[in-house]
Amino acid sequence: MNAAYCFVAKSMPARSMPQDQFRTAKAPVKRSTKSAAAQTDALLDTRADGVHTAQVGDRTADHLNNRIFFRLFQVGNTLQRQAVKELGVTTVQWAVLGALSDPRPKSGIALGTLAEFLVVSRQNLDGVLKRLERDGLVERVMDDGDKRARVVRLTPHGLSFWTDLQKRIYQFYAQAASTFRFDERVALVHYLNSLQRELMKVRLEEPQGPTVKKKRR
C-alpha cells in the first residue's frame, strides 16, 4: 500500500513532560473526532496547499489517480462486508442471482456468457454456482437450443428467494445513496461506466531491466 495511507501520528507520552507544563496549560487538547478516512483525506489534502512530500509524490495527477483507485478498492471491500452482514449473501452471489432473474433468456444463461457479463473468471463463477446449487437456488440444465450445452437458471425456490432479497436490496441502496441527489447519481453512473471502458483498454509496456521469470505450469 502507498506509504501515504500508512501514516501514523505519534504523540509525546504525558509522563515525559515537566509537571509545571500541566499547571500552566491554558486549555486541554481536544481529541480529534474525525474518522480515520477523514483524517487520511486531511493529510493528503496538504498537497493542494503546496506541501510536497516524498510520501505523496511529485505529480498531482498521480496522487489524485491513486486516491481514486484506492477509494474504489475500499468501496468494493465495504460493499462486500456490508452485503454479507446485512443481506447474508456475498456480492458475487448477489450479482449472479440478479443476472439470472432476467426473464428474457427463458432457457437460462450459458456459463461463459454469465462470467463475461459479471467480469469474473469461469473458475470463480463455477465455485459460486456450486454453493448456490447446494442451497437449491440455481440449477444447470441442458440448453433447449443445443442439447450438448448447459445453461444456468434460477430454481423456483431461487426466484422466490431473489424476490424477497430484492426488497431488502432496495433498502440497502436507499440508505447507502441517501446523501446523493438524483443528478449526482446519474453523473456517478456515467463516470463509473467511462472508467470501466478505459480500464478495459489499459495496455502497459513490458517493464525494462531484469524481470522475474514466470513459472511453467
Protein backbone atom coordinates (compact mmCIF):
# COMPACT_ATOMS: atom_id res chain seq x y z
CA MET A 1 0.00 0.00 0.00
CA ASN A 2 1.20 3.52 -0.71
CA ALA A 3 3.02 5.00 2.26
CA ALA A 4 0.66 7.95 2.23
CA TYR A 5 -2.10 5.67 3.51
CA CYS A 6 0.03 4.22 6.32
CA PHE A 7 0.72 7.47 8.15
CA VAL A 8 0.54 7.17 11.94
CA ALA A 9 1.00 10.27 14.08
CA LYS A 10 2.92 9.65 17.31
CA SER A 11 2.28 11.89 20.31
CA MET A 12 4.64 12.56 23.21
CA PRO A 13 3.81 10.49 26.33
CA ALA A 14 2.38 12.70 29.08
CA ARG A 15 4.86 11.48 31.68
CA SER A 16 7.79 12.85 29.68
CA MET A 17 6.52 16.44 30.04
CA PRO A 18 7.53 18.56 33.09
CA GLN A 19 4.76 18.81 35.68
CA ASP A 20 4.69 22.65 35.60
CA GLN A 21 3.59 22.48 31.94
CA PHE A 22 0.37 20.83 33.04
CA ARG A 23 -0.30 23.56 35.60
CA THR A 24 0.34 26.43 33.17
CA ALA A 25 -1.62 24.97 30.26
CA LYS A 26 -4.46 27.24 29.18
CA ALA A 27 -6.82 24.56 27.89
CA PRO A 28 -6.83 20.79 27.39
CA VAL A 29 -6.02 19.48 23.95
CA LYS A 30 -9.16 18.35 22.17
CA ARG A 31 -9.12 14.89 20.66
CA SER A 32 -10.00 14.66 17.00
CA THR A 33 -13.46 13.31 16.34
CA LYS A 34 -12.78 12.76 12.64
CA SER A 35 -12.96 9.26 11.23
CA ALA A 36 -9.79 7.52 10.08
CA ALA A 37 -10.75 8.12 6.44
CA ALA A 38 -11.40 11.82 7.08
CA GLN A 39 -8.03 12.18 8.82
CA THR A 40 -6.32 10.48 5.87
CA ASP A 41 -8.06 12.84 3.47
CA ALA A 42 -6.95 15.83 5.54
CA LEU A 43 -3.37 14.58 5.44
CA LEU A 44 -3.40 14.01 1.70
CA ASP A 45 -5.08 17.34 1.01
CA THR A 46 -1.88 19.09 2.11
CA ARG A 47 -0.84 18.56 -1.50
CA ALA A 48 -3.37 21.16 -2.60
CA ASP A 49 -1.84 23.65 -0.18
CA GLY A 50 1.55 23.36 -1.83
CA VAL A 51 3.06 20.92 0.68
CA HIS A 52 5.16 18.45 -1.30
CA THR A 53 6.45 15.29 0.36
CA ALA A 54 8.04 12.09 -0.85
CA GLN A 55 5.07 10.17 0.54
CA VAL A 56 2.58 11.89 -1.74
CA GLY A 57 4.75 12.01 -4.83
CA ASP A 58 5.81 14.65 -7.33
CA ARG A 59 2.84 14.63 -9.67
CA THR A 60 -0.58 15.88 -8.67
CA ALA A 61 -2.28 13.71 -11.30
CA ASP A 62 -0.61 10.56 -9.99
CA HIS A 63 -1.61 11.45 -6.45
CA LEU A 64 -5.23 12.09 -7.42
CA ASN A 65 -5.45 8.91 -9.50
CA ASN A 66 -4.04 6.95 -6.58
CA ARG A 67 -6.78 8.30 -4.33
CA ILE A 68 -9.50 7.44 -6.86
CA PHE A 69 -8.44 3.82 -7.29
CA PHE A 70 -7.71 3.29 -3.59
CA ARG A 71 -11.21 4.58 -2.82
CA LEU A 72 -12.65 2.13 -5.37
CA PHE A 73 -10.77 -0.65 -3.60
CA GLN A 74 -12.18 0.43 -0.23
CA VAL A 75 -15.73 0.84 -1.58
CA GLY A 76 -15.65 -2.63 -3.12
CA ASN A 77 -14.47 -4.21 0.13
CA THR A 78 -17.01 -2.24 2.16
CA LEU A 79 -19.81 -3.35 -0.15
CA GLN A 80 -18.73 -6.98 0.21
CA ARG A 81 -18.60 -6.77 4.01
CA GLN A 82 -21.92 -4.96 4.34
CA ALA A 83 -23.66 -7.31 1.87
CA VAL A 84 -22.70 -10.35 3.92
CA LYS A 85 -23.54 -8.62 7.20
CA GLU A 86 -26.90 -7.11 6.21
CA LEU A 87 -28.15 -9.35 3.39
CA GLY A 88 -26.49 -12.69 4.12
CA VAL A 89 -25.04 -13.07 0.61
CA THR A 90 -21.72 -12.19 -1.00
CA THR A 91 -21.60 -9.58 -3.72
CA VAL A 92 -20.90 -12.27 -6.36
CA GLN A 93 -23.88 -14.36 -5.20
CA TRP A 94 -25.98 -11.20 -5.26
CA ALA A 95 -24.86 -10.40 -8.82
CA VAL A 96 -25.41 -13.97 -10.07
CA LEU A 97 -28.95 -14.15 -8.68
CA GLY A 98 -29.75 -10.74 -10.12
CA ALA A 99 -28.45 -11.66 -13.58
CA LEU A 100 -30.35 -14.97 -13.61
CA SER A 101 -33.57 -13.20 -12.59
CA ASP A 102 -33.71 -11.59 -16.06
CA PRO A 103 -36.68 -13.35 -17.74
CA ARG A 104 -35.54 -12.70 -21.32
CA PRO A 105 -33.25 -15.73 -21.75
CA LYS A 106 -36.07 -18.19 -20.98
CA SER A 107 -33.96 -21.35 -21.01
CA GLY A 108 -31.14 -19.87 -18.88
CA ILE A 109 -27.72 -18.31 -19.38
CA ALA A 110 -24.56 -20.07 -20.57
CA LEU A 111 -21.72 -20.16 -18.04
CA GLY A 112 -19.34 -18.27 -20.35
CA THR A 113 -21.89 -15.56 -21.07
CA LEU A 114 -22.63 -15.13 -17.37
CA ALA A 115 -18.91 -14.94 -16.49
CA GLU A 116 -18.29 -12.32 -19.17
CA PHE A 117 -21.28 -10.24 -18.07
CA LEU A 118 -20.20 -10.26 -14.41
CA VAL A 119 -16.48 -9.79 -15.29
CA VAL A 120 -15.39 -12.81 -13.26
CA SER A 121 -13.41 -15.91 -14.21
CA ARG A 122 -15.27 -19.08 -15.15
CA GLN A 123 -13.39 -20.91 -12.38
CA ASN A 124 -14.54 -18.49 -9.67
CA LEU A 125 -18.07 -18.42 -11.06
CA ASP A 126 -18.21 -22.22 -11.03
CA GLY A 127 -17.41 -22.22 -7.30
CA VAL A 128 -20.15 -19.68 -6.59
CA LEU A 129 -22.68 -21.67 -8.64
CA LYS A 130 -21.87 -24.86 -6.74
CA ARG A 131 -22.71 -23.14 -3.45
CA LEU A 132 -25.95 -21.74 -4.88
CA GLU A 133 -26.84 -25.18 -6.26
CA ARG A 134 -26.22 -26.68 -2.85
CA ASP A 135 -28.73 -24.21 -1.40
CA GLY A 136 -31.26 -25.09 -4.09
CA LEU A 137 -31.25 -21.58 -5.62
CA VAL A 138 -29.89 -22.33 -9.10
CA GLU A 139 -29.58 -25.33 -11.40
CA ARG A 140 -27.64 -26.28 -14.52
CA VAL A 141 -29.74 -27.78 -17.28
CA MET A 142 -29.43 -28.62 -20.98
CA ASP A 143 -29.88 -25.72 -23.38
CA ASP A 144 -33.12 -26.00 -25.33
CA GLY A 145 -31.35 -24.80 -28.46
CA ASP A 146 -28.25 -27.02 -28.11
CA LYS A 147 -28.58 -30.29 -26.22
CA ARG A 148 -24.78 -30.52 -25.91
CA ALA A 149 -24.58 -27.25 -23.97
CA ARG A 150 -25.64 -26.49 -20.43
CA VAL A 151 -27.12 -23.27 -19.07
CA VAL A 152 -27.71 -21.88 -15.60
CA ARG A 153 -31.09 -20.73 -14.34
CA LEU A 154 -32.90 -19.96 -11.11
CA THR A 155 -34.96 -22.68 -9.47
CA PRO A 156 -38.50 -21.79 -8.29
CA HIS A 157 -37.03 -21.55 -4.78
CA GLY A 158 -34.26 -19.32 -6.12
CA LEU A 159 -36.73 -16.98 -7.79
CA SER A 160 -38.76 -16.71 -4.57
CA PHE A 161 -35.57 -16.11 -2.57
CA TRP A 162 -34.46 -13.38 -5.01
CA THR A 163 -37.85 -11.66 -4.94
CA ASP A 164 -37.69 -11.37 -1.14
CA LEU A 165 -34.00 -10.40 -1.18
CA GLN A 166 -34.58 -7.67 -3.77
CA LYS A 167 -36.85 -5.77 -1.36
CA ARG A 168 -34.01 -5.60 1.16
CA ILE A 169 -31.52 -4.72 -1.57
CA TYR A 170 -33.54 -1.63 -2.49
CA GLN A 171 -33.49 -0.60 1.19
CA PHE A 172 -29.74 -1.21 1.17
CA TYR A 173 -29.35 1.00 -1.92
CA ALA A 174 -31.55 3.75 -0.48
CA GLN A 175 -29.54 4.03 2.74
CA ALA A 176 -26.14 3.83 1.04
CA ALA A 177 -27.01 6.54 -1.54
CA SER A 178 -29.18 8.69 0.74
CA THR A 179 -26.84 11.70 0.60
CA PHE A 180 -26.69 11.81 -3.21
CA ARG A 181 -29.07 13.91 -5.28
CA PHE A 182 -30.66 12.32 -8.35
CA ASP A 183 -28.41 14.22 -10.77
CA GLU A 184 -25.35 13.20 -8.74
CA ARG A 185 -26.33 9.54 -9.06
CA VAL A 186 -26.75 9.92 -12.83
CA ALA A 187 -23.31 11.55 -13.04
CA LEU A 188 -21.76 8.82 -10.89
CA VAL A 189 -23.11 6.09 -13.18
CA HIS A 190 -21.74 7.98 -16.19
CA TYR A 191 -18.25 8.31 -14.69
CA LEU A 192 -18.14 4.69 -13.50
CA ASN A 193 -19.15 3.48 -16.97
CA SER A 194 -16.44 5.65 -18.52
CA LEU A 195 -13.83 4.39 -16.07
CA GLN A 196 -14.71 0.76 -16.77
CA ARG A 197 -14.40 1.30 -20.52
CA GLU A 198 -11.00 2.91 -20.13
CA LEU A 199 -9.82 0.18 -17.75
CA MET A 200 -10.55 -2.40 -20.43
CA LYS A 201 -8.22 -0.51 -22.77
CA VAL A 202 -5.21 -0.45 -20.42
CA ARG A 203 -2.12 -1.97 -22.07
CA LEU A 204 1.18 -1.42 -20.27
CA GLU A 205 4.60 -1.70 -21.87
CA GLU A 206 6.85 -4.52 -20.76
CA PRO A 207 8.99 -3.47 -17.76
CA GLN A 208 12.61 -2.60 -18.51
CA GLY A 209 15.53 -4.34 -16.85
CA PRO A 210 15.60 -7.72 -15.06
CA THR A 211 12.25 -9.42 -14.65
CA VAL A 212 11.02 -12.40 -12.67
CA LYS A 213 10.71 -15.47 -14.86
CA LYS A 214 7.24 -16.94 -14.98
CA LYS A 215 6.94 -20.48 -13.72
CA ARG A 216 5.67 -23.02 -16.19
CA ARG A 217 2.51 -24.83 -15.16
